[in-house]
PDB file of all heavy atoms in Angstrom:
ATOM      1  N   PHE A   1      -0.827   2.171 -12.584  1.00  0.00           N
ATOM      2  CA  PHE A   1      -0.377   1.425 -13.756  1.00  0.00           C
ATOM      3  C   PHE A   1      -0.180  -0.039 -13.361  1.00  0.00           C
ATOM      4  O   PHE A   1      -0.227  -0.392 -12.172  1.00  0.00           O
ATOM      5  CB  PHE A   1       0.932   2.009 -14.307  1.00  0.00           C
ATOM      6  CG  PHE A   1       2.054   2.056 -13.304  1.00  0.00           C
ATOM      7  CD1 PHE A   1       2.992   1.024 -13.231  1.00  0.00           C
ATOM      8  CD2 PHE A   1       2.188   3.135 -12.423  1.00  0.00           C
ATOM      9  CE1 PHE A   1       4.028   1.061 -12.306  1.00  0.00           C
ATOM     10  CE2 PHE A   1       3.229   3.181 -11.502  1.00  0.00           C
ATOM     11  CZ  PHE A   1       4.140   2.150 -11.446  1.00  0.00           C
ATOM     12  N   THR A   2       0.040  -0.871 -14.360  1.00  0.00           N
ATOM     13  CA  THR A   2       0.358  -2.274 -14.125  1.00  0.00           C
ATOM     14  C   THR A   2       1.863  -2.448 -14.235  1.00  0.00           C
ATOM     15  O   THR A   2       2.465  -2.076 -15.251  1.00  0.00           O
ATOM     16  CB  THR A   2      -0.352  -3.171 -15.156  1.00  0.00           C
ATOM     17  OG1 THR A   2      -1.758  -2.962 -15.064  1.00  0.00           O
ATOM     18  CG2 THR A   2      -0.045  -4.643 -14.907  1.00  0.00           C
ATOM     19  N   ASP A   3       2.483  -2.982 -13.190  1.00  0.00           N
ATOM     20  CA  ASP A   3       3.937  -3.109 -13.207  1.00  0.00           C
ATOM     21  C   ASP A   3       4.362  -4.342 -14.001  1.00  0.00           C
ATOM     22  O   ASP A   3       3.517  -5.085 -14.537  1.00  0.00           O
ATOM     23  CB  ASP A   3       4.508  -3.098 -11.787  1.00  0.00           C
ATOM     24  CG  ASP A   3       4.202  -4.368 -11.004  1.00  0.00           C
ATOM     25  OD1 ASP A   3       3.685  -5.346 -11.579  1.00  0.00           O
ATOM     26  OD2 ASP A   3       4.493  -4.395  -9.785  1.00  0.00           O
ATOM     27  N   GLN A   4       5.667  -4.577 -14.087  1.00  0.00           N
ATOM     28  CA  GLN A   4       6.175  -5.663 -14.923  1.00  0.00           C
ATOM     29  C   GLN A   4       5.835  -7.045 -14.384  1.00  0.00           C
ATOM     30  O   GLN A   4       5.942  -8.041 -15.098  1.00  0.00           O
ATOM     31  CB  GLN A   4       7.690  -5.511 -15.089  1.00  0.00           C
ATOM     32  CG  GLN A   4       8.060  -4.256 -15.868  1.00  0.00           C
ATOM     33  CD  GLN A   4       9.561  -4.141 -16.100  1.00  0.00           C
ATOM     34  OE1 GLN A   4      10.257  -5.142 -16.214  1.00  0.00           O
ATOM     35  NE2 GLN A   4      10.051  -2.917 -16.190  1.00  0.00           N
ATOM     36  N   GLY A   5       5.401  -7.082 -13.125  1.00  0.00           N
ATOM     37  CA  GLY A   5       4.950  -8.354 -12.565  1.00  0.00           C
ATOM     38  C   GLY A   5       3.456  -8.558 -12.698  1.00  0.00           C
ATOM     39  O   GLY A   5       2.913  -9.528 -12.143  1.00  0.00           O
ATOM     40  N   GLY A   6       2.787  -7.631 -13.418  1.00  0.00           N
ATOM     41  CA  GLY A   6       1.351  -7.764 -13.625  1.00  0.00           C
ATOM     42  C   GLY A   6       0.508  -7.272 -12.474  1.00  0.00           C
ATOM     43  O   GLY A   6      -0.704  -7.514 -12.436  1.00  0.00           O
ATOM     44  N   ARG A   7       1.115  -6.574 -11.516  1.00  0.00           N
ATOM     45  CA  ARG A   7       0.378  -6.056 -10.367  1.00  0.00           C
ATOM     46  C   ARG A   7      -0.150  -4.658 -10.676  1.00  0.00           C
ATOM     47  O   ARG A   7       0.579  -3.822 -11.233  1.00  0.00           O
ATOM     48  CB  ARG A   7       1.282  -6.003  -9.133  1.00  0.00           C
ATOM     49  CG  ARG A   7       1.713  -7.368  -8.608  1.00  0.00           C
ATOM     50  CD  ARG A   7       2.807  -7.231  -7.555  1.00  0.00           C
ATOM     51  NE  ARG A   7       4.061  -6.836  -8.198  1.00  0.00           N
ATOM     52  CZ  ARG A   7       5.019  -7.695  -8.537  1.00  0.00           C
ATOM     53  NH1 ARG A   7       4.871  -8.980  -8.297  1.00  0.00           N
ATOM     54  NH2 ARG A   7       6.137  -7.265  -9.104  1.00  0.00           N
ATOM     55  N   ASP A   8      -1.379  -4.371 -10.284  1.00  0.00           N
ATOM     56  CA  ASP A   8      -1.942  -3.034 -10.411  1.00  0.00           C
ATOM     57  C   ASP A   8      -1.489  -2.215  -9.209  1.00  0.00           C
ATOM     58  O   ASP A   8      -1.835  -2.540  -8.057  1.00  0.00           O
ATOM     59  CB  ASP A   8      -3.472  -3.091 -10.468  1.00  0.00           C
ATOM     60  CG  ASP A   8      -3.971  -3.718 -11.758  1.00  0.00           C
ATOM     61  OD1 ASP A   8      -3.295  -3.572 -12.792  1.00  0.00           O
ATOM     62  OD2 ASP A   8      -5.037  -4.375 -11.720  1.00  0.00           O
ATOM     63  N   VAL A   9      -0.701  -1.186  -9.477  1.00  0.00           N
ATOM     64  CA  VAL A   9      -0.113  -0.387  -8.401  1.00  0.00           C
ATOM     65  C   VAL A   9      -0.395   1.086  -8.653  1.00  0.00           C
ATOM     66  O   VAL A   9      -0.763   1.492  -9.754  1.00  0.00           O
ATOM     67  CB  VAL A   9       1.404  -0.628  -8.280  1.00  0.00           C
ATOM     68  CG1 VAL A   9       1.697  -2.075  -7.910  1.00  0.00           C
ATOM     69  CG2 VAL A   9       2.108  -0.259  -9.583  1.00  0.00           C
ATOM     70  N   ALA A  10      -0.225   1.890  -7.606  1.00  0.00           N
ATOM     71  CA  ALA A  10      -0.452   3.331  -7.715  1.00  0.00           C
ATOM     72  C   ALA A  10       0.550   4.075  -6.849  1.00  0.00           C
ATOM     73  O   ALA A  10       0.935   3.598  -5.770  1.00  0.00           O
ATOM     74  CB  ALA A  10      -1.880   3.691  -7.280  1.00  0.00           C
ATOM     75  N   LEU A  11       0.982   5.235  -7.333  1.00  0.00           N
ATOM     76  CA  LEU A  11       1.743   6.142  -6.485  1.00  0.00           C
ATOM     77  C   LEU A  11       0.821   6.626  -5.370  1.00  0.00           C
ATOM     78  O   LEU A  11      -0.336   6.974  -5.611  1.00  0.00           O
ATOM     79  CB  LEU A  11       2.252   7.333  -7.297  1.00  0.00           C
ATOM     80  CG  LEU A  11       3.361   7.032  -8.308  1.00  0.00           C
ATOM     81  CD1 LEU A  11       3.588   8.233  -9.217  1.00  0.00           C
ATOM     82  CD2 LEU A  11       4.655   6.680  -7.583  1.00  0.00           C
ATOM     83  N   THR A  12       1.309   6.634  -4.152  1.00  0.00           N
ATOM     84  CA  THR A  12       0.446   6.897  -2.999  1.00  0.00           C
ATOM     85  C   THR A  12      -0.112   8.322  -3.031  1.00  0.00           C
ATOM     86  O   THR A  12       0.647   9.287  -3.070  1.00  0.00           O
ATOM     87  CB  THR A  12       1.218   6.680  -1.690  1.00  0.00           C
ATOM     88  OG1 THR A  12       2.453   7.410  -1.757  1.00  0.00           O
ATOM     89  CG2 THR A  12       1.523   5.221  -1.471  1.00  0.00           C
ATOM     90  N   PRO A  13      -1.455   8.474  -2.984  1.00  0.00           N
ATOM     91  CA  PRO A  13      -2.062   9.797  -2.983  1.00  0.00           C
ATOM     92  C   PRO A  13      -2.204  10.386  -1.590  1.00  0.00           C
ATOM     93  O   PRO A  13      -2.501  11.575  -1.431  1.00  0.00           O
ATOM     94  CB  PRO A  13      -3.441   9.535  -3.594  1.00  0.00           C
ATOM     95  CG  PRO A  13      -3.771   8.144  -3.152  1.00  0.00           C
ATOM     96  CD  PRO A  13      -2.465   7.407  -3.126  1.00  0.00           C
ATOM     97  N   GLU A  14      -2.043   9.562  -0.557  1.00  0.00           N
ATOM     98  CA  GLU A  14      -2.129   9.996   0.833  1.00  0.00           C
ATOM     99  C   GLU A  14      -1.456   8.936   1.691  1.00  0.00           C
ATOM    100  O   GLU A  14      -1.159   7.832   1.214  1.00  0.00           O
ATOM    101  CB  GLU A  14      -3.586  10.189   1.262  1.00  0.00           C
ATOM    102  CG  GLU A  14      -4.414   8.913   1.114  1.00  0.00           C
ATOM    103  CD  GLU A  14      -5.794   9.049   1.704  1.00  0.00           C
ATOM    104  OE1 GLU A  14      -5.912   9.631   2.797  1.00  0.00           O
ATOM    105  OE2 GLU A  14      -6.757   8.561   1.079  1.00  0.00           O
ATOM    106  N   LEU A  15      -1.239   9.256   2.970  1.00  0.00           N
ATOM    107  CA  LEU A  15      -0.514   8.312   3.824  1.00  0.00           C
ATOM    108  C   LEU A  15      -1.434   7.443   4.673  1.00  0.00           C
ATOM    109  O   LEU A  15      -1.056   6.334   5.047  1.00  0.00           O
ATOM    110  CB  LEU A  15       0.448   9.071   4.745  1.00  0.00           C
ATOM    111  CG  LEU A  15       1.430   8.174   5.521  1.00  0.00           C
ATOM    112  CD1 LEU A  15       2.424   7.528   4.568  1.00  0.00           C
ATOM    113  CD2 LEU A  15       2.159   8.946   6.595  1.00  0.00           C
ATOM    114  N   THR A  16      -2.636   7.915   4.983  1.00  0.00           N
ATOM    115  CA  THR A  16      -3.458   7.230   5.976  1.00  0.00           C
ATOM    116  C   THR A  16      -3.677   5.749   5.664  1.00  0.00           C
ATOM    117  O   THR A  16      -3.505   4.907   6.556  1.00  0.00           O
ATOM    118  CB  THR A  16      -4.803   7.952   6.152  1.00  0.00           C
ATOM    119  OG1 THR A  16      -4.548   9.323   6.439  1.00  0.00           O
ATOM    120  CG2 THR A  16      -5.592   7.344   7.296  1.00  0.00           C
ATOM    121  N   PRO A  17      -4.035   5.348   4.438  1.00  0.00           N
ATOM    122  CA  PRO A  17      -4.169   3.905   4.186  1.00  0.00           C
ATOM    123  C   PRO A  17      -2.865   3.133   4.405  1.00  0.00           C
ATOM    124  O   PRO A  17      -2.888   1.995   4.882  1.00  0.00           O
ATOM    125  CB  PRO A  17      -4.610   3.848   2.716  1.00  0.00           C
ATOM    126  CG  PRO A  17      -5.285   5.157   2.477  1.00  0.00           C
ATOM    127  CD  PRO A  17      -4.475   6.141   3.276  1.00  0.00           C
ATOM    128  N   THR A  18      -1.743   3.739   4.071  1.00  0.00           N
ATOM    129  CA  THR A  18      -0.466   3.052   4.257  1.00  0.00           C
ATOM    130  C   THR A  18      -0.173   2.815   5.730  1.00  0.00           C
ATOM    131  O   THR A  18       0.225   1.710   6.127  1.00  0.00           O
ATOM    132  CB  THR A  18       0.672   3.860   3.608  1.00  0.00           C
ATOM    133  OG1 THR A  18       0.493   3.881   2.193  1.00  0.00           O
ATOM    134  CG2 THR A  18       2.029   3.246   3.921  1.00  0.00           C
ATOM    135  N   VAL A  19      -0.357   3.844   6.561  1.00  0.00           N
ATOM    136  CA  VAL A  19      -0.063   3.639   7.988  1.00  0.00           C
ATOM    137  C   VAL A  19      -1.081   2.692   8.606  1.00  0.00           C
ATOM    138  O   VAL A  19      -0.747   1.934   9.532  1.00  0.00           O
ATOM    139  CB  VAL A  19       0.023   4.967   8.761  1.00  0.00           C
ATOM    140  CG1 VAL A  19       1.249   5.748   8.342  1.00  0.00           C
ATOM    141  CG2 VAL A  19      -1.235   5.805   8.615  1.00  0.00           C
ATOM    142  N   ALA A  20      -2.312   2.688   8.090  1.00  0.00           N
ATOM    143  CA  ALA A  20      -3.281   1.704   8.565  1.00  0.00           C
ATOM    144  C   ALA A  20      -2.795   0.296   8.259  1.00  0.00           C
ATOM    145  O   ALA A  20      -2.866  -0.608   9.105  1.00  0.00           O
ATOM    146  CB  ALA A  20      -4.637   1.954   7.918  1.00  0.00           C
ATOM    147  N   ARG A  21      -2.293   0.097   7.045  1.00  0.00           N
ATOM    148  CA  ARG A  21      -1.740  -1.208   6.675  1.00  0.00           C
ATOM    149  C   ARG A  21      -0.585  -1.602   7.590  1.00  0.00           C
ATOM    150  O   ARG A  21      -0.478  -2.761   8.021  1.00  0.00           O
ATOM    151  CB  ARG A  21      -1.270  -1.168   5.214  1.00  0.00           C
ATOM    152  CG  ARG A  21      -0.562  -2.424   4.749  1.00  0.00           C
ATOM    153  CD  ARG A  21      -0.068  -2.325   3.322  1.00  0.00           C
ATOM    154  NE  ARG A  21       0.864  -1.231   3.090  1.00  0.00           N
ATOM    155  CZ  ARG A  21       2.120  -1.194   3.518  1.00  0.00           C
ATOM    156  NH1 ARG A  21       2.607  -2.192   4.249  1.00  0.00           N
ATOM    157  NH2 ARG A  21       2.899  -0.162   3.231  1.00  0.00           N
ATOM    158  N   MET A  22       0.271  -0.637   7.903  1.00  0.00           N
ATOM    159  CA  MET A  22       1.428  -0.907   8.763  1.00  0.00           C
ATOM    160  C   MET A  22       1.002  -1.275  10.182  1.00  0.00           C
ATOM    161  O   MET A  22       1.579  -2.184  10.799  1.00  0.00           O
ATOM    162  CB  MET A  22       2.358   0.303   8.777  1.00  0.00           C
ATOM    163  CG  MET A  22       3.061   0.573   7.455  1.00  0.00           C
ATOM    164  SD  MET A  22       3.988   2.135   7.456  1.00  0.00           S
ATOM    165  CE  MET A  22       5.261   1.800   8.681  1.00  0.00           C
ATOM    166  N   VAL A  23      -0.006  -0.579  10.695  1.00  0.00           N
ATOM    167  CA  VAL A  23      -0.489  -0.894  12.042  1.00  0.00           C
ATOM    168  C   VAL A  23      -1.103  -2.293  12.072  1.00  0.00           C
ATOM    169  O   VAL A  23      -0.876  -3.064  13.007  1.00  0.00           O
ATOM    170  CB  VAL A  23      -1.497   0.173  12.517  1.00  0.00           C
ATOM    171  CG1 VAL A  23      -2.168  -0.269  13.813  1.00  0.00           C
ATOM    172  CG2 VAL A  23      -0.792   1.513  12.725  1.00  0.00           C
ATOM    173  N   VAL A  24      -1.873  -2.634  11.052  1.00  0.00           N
ATOM    174  CA  VAL A  24      -2.464  -3.974  10.987  1.00  0.00           C
ATOM    175  C   VAL A  24      -1.369  -5.034  10.950  1.00  0.00           C
ATOM    176  O   VAL A  24      -1.459  -6.077  11.617  1.00  0.00           O
ATOM    177  CB  VAL A  24      -3.389  -4.101   9.762  1.00  0.00           C
ATOM    178  CG1 VAL A  24      -3.818  -5.549   9.556  1.00  0.00           C
ATOM    179  CG2 VAL A  24      -4.608  -3.201   9.915  1.00  0.00           C
ATOM    180  N   ALA A  25      -0.301  -4.783  10.204  1.00  0.00           N
ATOM    181  CA  ALA A  25       0.762  -5.780  10.034  1.00  0.00           C
ATOM    182  C   ALA A  25       1.479  -6.089  11.334  1.00  0.00           C
ATOM    183  O   ALA A  25       1.879  -7.238  11.578  1.00  0.00           O
ATOM    184  CB  ALA A  25       1.749  -5.291   8.981  1.00  0.00           C
ATOM    185  N   ARG A  26       1.642  -5.082  12.194  1.00  0.00           N
ATOM    186  CA  ARG A  26       2.409  -5.298  13.428  1.00  0.00           C
ATOM    187  C   ARG A  26       1.693  -4.772  14.665  1.00  0.00           C
ATOM    188  O   ARG A  26       2.338  -4.481  15.679  1.00  0.00           O
ATOM    189  CB  ARG A  26       3.784  -4.647  13.319  1.00  0.00           C
ATOM    190  CG  ARG A  26       4.679  -5.273  12.263  1.00  0.00           C
ATOM    191  CD  ARG A  26       6.102  -4.834  12.432  1.00  0.00           C
ATOM    192  NE  ARG A  26       6.963  -5.404  11.428  1.00  0.00           N
ATOM    193  CZ  ARG A  26       8.277  -5.161  11.326  1.00  0.00           C
ATOM    194  NH1 ARG A  26       8.854  -4.336  12.194  1.00  0.00           N
ATOM    195  NH2 ARG A  26       8.999  -5.715  10.377  1.00  0.00           N
ATOM    196  N   GLY A  27       0.387  -4.673  14.579  1.00  0.00           N
ATOM    197  CA  GLY A  27      -0.372  -4.051  15.660  1.00  0.00           C
ATOM    198  C   GLY A  27      -0.159  -4.678  17.019  1.00  0.00           C
ATOM    199  O   GLY A  27      -0.142  -3.984  18.041  1.00  0.00           O
ATOM    200  N   GLN A  28      -0.006  -5.999  17.060  1.00  0.00           N
ATOM    201  CA  GLN A  28       0.155  -6.675  18.345  1.00  0.00           C
ATOM    202  C   GLN A  28       1.540  -6.452  18.948  1.00  0.00           C
ATOM    203  O   GLN A  28       1.732  -6.625  20.154  1.00  0.00           O
ATOM    204  CB  GLN A  28      -0.105  -8.178  18.170  1.00  0.00           C
ATOM    205  CG  GLN A  28      -1.500  -8.512  17.651  1.00  0.00           C
ATOM    206  CD  GLN A  28      -2.604  -7.907  18.496  1.00  0.00           C
ATOM    207  OE1 GLN A  28      -2.610  -8.062  19.718  1.00  0.00           O
ATOM    208  NE2 GLN A  28      -3.533  -7.207  17.858  1.00  0.00           N
TER     209      GLN A  28
END
């Protein structure tokens, strides 16, 4: 759905993309 800030968001259907994002953010 589109949230009140106009962002297109989704309830997470799986974890793998999220943990990938987390590793990229602090990988070093």
